[in-house]
């Protein structure tokens, strides 16, 4: 009987010890979980603010781009015409095989004169 009583006491002590450790681990996990939930909520709020600011920025940029295009429409049209003329002339030169402008070679006398100087 003495051994049996000691066995039961030891078993109860181990059970209490394990229960206390499990409770401490669960409490720690719960506190970390609540901190993580708070961080997630702050991040959600920040993301919502940034999203709203991005939408407002898009509206502002669009408005200013339209305003800029209206103000500079003649300039933009002139640039488009100039680029169109350049593209057509370049295409014509490429299709007809006209050579690109070449620099004239220096004569041997000119080269010698530059080396001597």
Protein backbone atom coordinates (compact mmCIF):
# COMPACT_ATOMS: atom_id res chain seq x y z
CA UNK A 1 0.00 0.00 0.00
CA UNK A 2 2.82 2.38 0.74
CA UNK A 3 4.23 2.01 -2.78
CA UNK A 4 0.81 2.42 -4.28
CA UNK A 5 0.20 5.65 -2.33
CA UNK A 6 3.61 7.02 -3.41
CA UNK A 7 2.85 6.06 -6.99
CA UNK A 8 -0.50 7.89 -6.92
CA UNK A 9 1.09 10.96 -5.31
CA UNK A 10 3.88 11.01 -7.89
CA UNK A 11 1.36 10.57 -10.70
CA UNK A 12 -0.75 13.45 -9.36
CA UNK A 13 2.30 15.70 -9.05
CA UNK A 14 3.35 14.91 -12.62
CA UNK A 15 -0.17 15.55 -13.87
CA UNK A 16 -0.32 18.92 -12.04
CA UNK A 17 3.13 19.84 -13.36
CA UNK A 18 2.15 18.96 -16.93
CA UNK A 19 -1.14 20.81 -16.62
CA UNK A 20 0.65 23.92 -15.30
CA UNK A 21 3.16 23.81 -18.20
CA UNK A 22 0.40 23.28 -20.75
CA UNK A 23 -1.60 26.17 -19.29
CA UNK A 24 1.48 28.44 -19.40
CA UNK A 25 2.17 27.46 -23.02
CA UNK A 26 -1.45 28.07 -24.01
CA UNK A 27 -1.52 31.44 -22.23
CA UNK A 28 1.70 32.49 -23.99
CA UNK A 29 0.34 31.39 -27.34
CA UNK A 30 -2.91 33.30 -26.74
CA UNK A 31 -1.04 36.50 -25.87
CA UNK A 32 1.15 36.17 -29.00
CA UNK A 33 -1.98 35.51 -31.04
CA UNK A 34 -3.71 38.62 -29.74
CA UNK A 35 -0.59 40.70 -30.52
CA UNK A 36 -0.50 39.25 -34.02
CA UNK A 37 -4.20 40.06 -34.50
CA UNK A 38 -3.56 43.65 -33.45
CA UNK A 39 -0.67 43.93 -35.94
CA UNK A 40 -2.87 42.49 -38.70
CA UNK A 41 -5.59 45.05 -37.92
CA UNK A 42 -3.05 47.90 -38.04
CA UNK A 43 -1.73 46.62 -41.37
CA UNK A 44 -5.26 46.37 -42.77
CA UNK A 45 -5.93 49.96 -41.75
CA UNK A 46 -2.65 51.13 -43.29
CA UNK A 47 -3.38 49.25 -46.50
CA UNK A 48 -6.82 50.82 -46.71
CA UNK A 49 -5.33 54.29 -46.25
CA UNK A 50 -2.66 53.68 -48.89
CA UNK A 51 -5.23 52.25 -51.32
CA UNK A 52 -7.45 55.27 -50.89
CA UNK A 53 -4.49 57.62 -51.38
CA UNK A 54 -3.52 55.74 -54.55
CA UNK A 55 -7.03 56.16 -55.95
CA UNK A 56 -6.97 59.88 -55.18
CA UNK A 57 -3.53 60.18 -56.77
CA UNK A 58 -4.86 58.48 -59.91
CA UNK A 59 -7.73 60.97 -60.09
CA UNK A 60 -5.41 63.94 -59.62
CA UNK A 61 -2.92 62.69 -62.23
CA UNK A 62 -5.66 62.05 -64.75
CA UNK A 63 -7.09 65.50 -64.23
CA UNK A 64 -3.70 67.17 -64.65
CA UNK A 65 -2.84 65.05 -67.69
CA UNK A 66 -6.10 66.07 -69.39
CA UNK A 67 -5.45 69.70 -68.50
CA UNK A 68 -1.89 69.47 -69.86
CA UNK A 69 -3.04 67.82 -73.07
CA UNK A 70 -5.71 70.51 -73.63
CA UNK A 71 -3.22 73.32 -73.04
CA UNK A 72 -0.51 71.85 -75.25
CA UNK A 73 -2.66 70.32 -77.99
CA UNK A 74 -1.18 72.52 -80.76
CA UNK A 75 2.35 71.73 -79.63
CA UNK A 76 1.60 68.01 -79.47
CA UNK A 77 0.05 68.12 -82.95
CA UNK A 78 3.14 69.88 -84.35
CA UNK A 79 5.44 67.32 -82.73
CA UNK A 80 3.33 64.52 -84.20
CA UNK A 81 3.57 66.07 -87.69
CA UNK A 82 7.34 66.53 -87.40
CA UNK A 83 7.82 62.95 -86.26
CA UNK A 84 5.57 61.73 -89.06
CA UNK A 85 7.62 63.61 -91.69
CA UNK A 86 10.86 62.24 -90.26
CA UNK A 87 9.51 58.69 -90.22
CA UNK A 88 8.27 58.93 -93.83
CA UNK A 89 11.57 60.32 -95.10
CA UNK A 90 13.54 57.67 -93.23
CA UNK A 91 11.32 54.92 -94.65
CA UNK A 92 11.71 56.32 -98.16
CA UNK A 93 15.50 56.38 -97.81
CA UNK A 94 15.56 52.82 -96.54
CA UNK A 95 13.26 51.56 -99.30
CA UNK A 96 15.16 53.29 -102.11
CA UNK A 97 18.54 52.32 -100.76
CA UNK A 98 19.99 55.82 -100.54
CA UNK A 99 23.11 55.77 -98.42
CA UNK A 100 23.34 57.59 -95.16
CA UNK A 101 25.43 60.74 -95.17
CA UNK A 102 29.10 59.83 -94.94
CA UNK A 103 31.95 61.92 -93.70
CA UNK A 104 34.65 62.59 -96.23
CA UNK A 105 37.92 60.78 -95.60
CA UNK A 106 40.90 62.85 -94.71
CA UNK A 107 43.59 62.92 -97.30
CA UNK A 108 46.99 61.49 -96.42
CA UNK A 109 48.47 64.99 -96.47
CA UNK A 110 45.94 66.18 -93.88
CA UNK A 111 46.67 63.21 -91.66
CA UNK A 112 50.41 63.80 -91.82
CA UNK A 113 49.94 67.46 -91.05
CA UNK A 114 47.86 66.64 -87.94
CA UNK A 115 50.44 64.10 -86.72
CA UNK A 116 53.22 66.63 -87.07
CA UNK A 117 51.33 69.29 -85.14
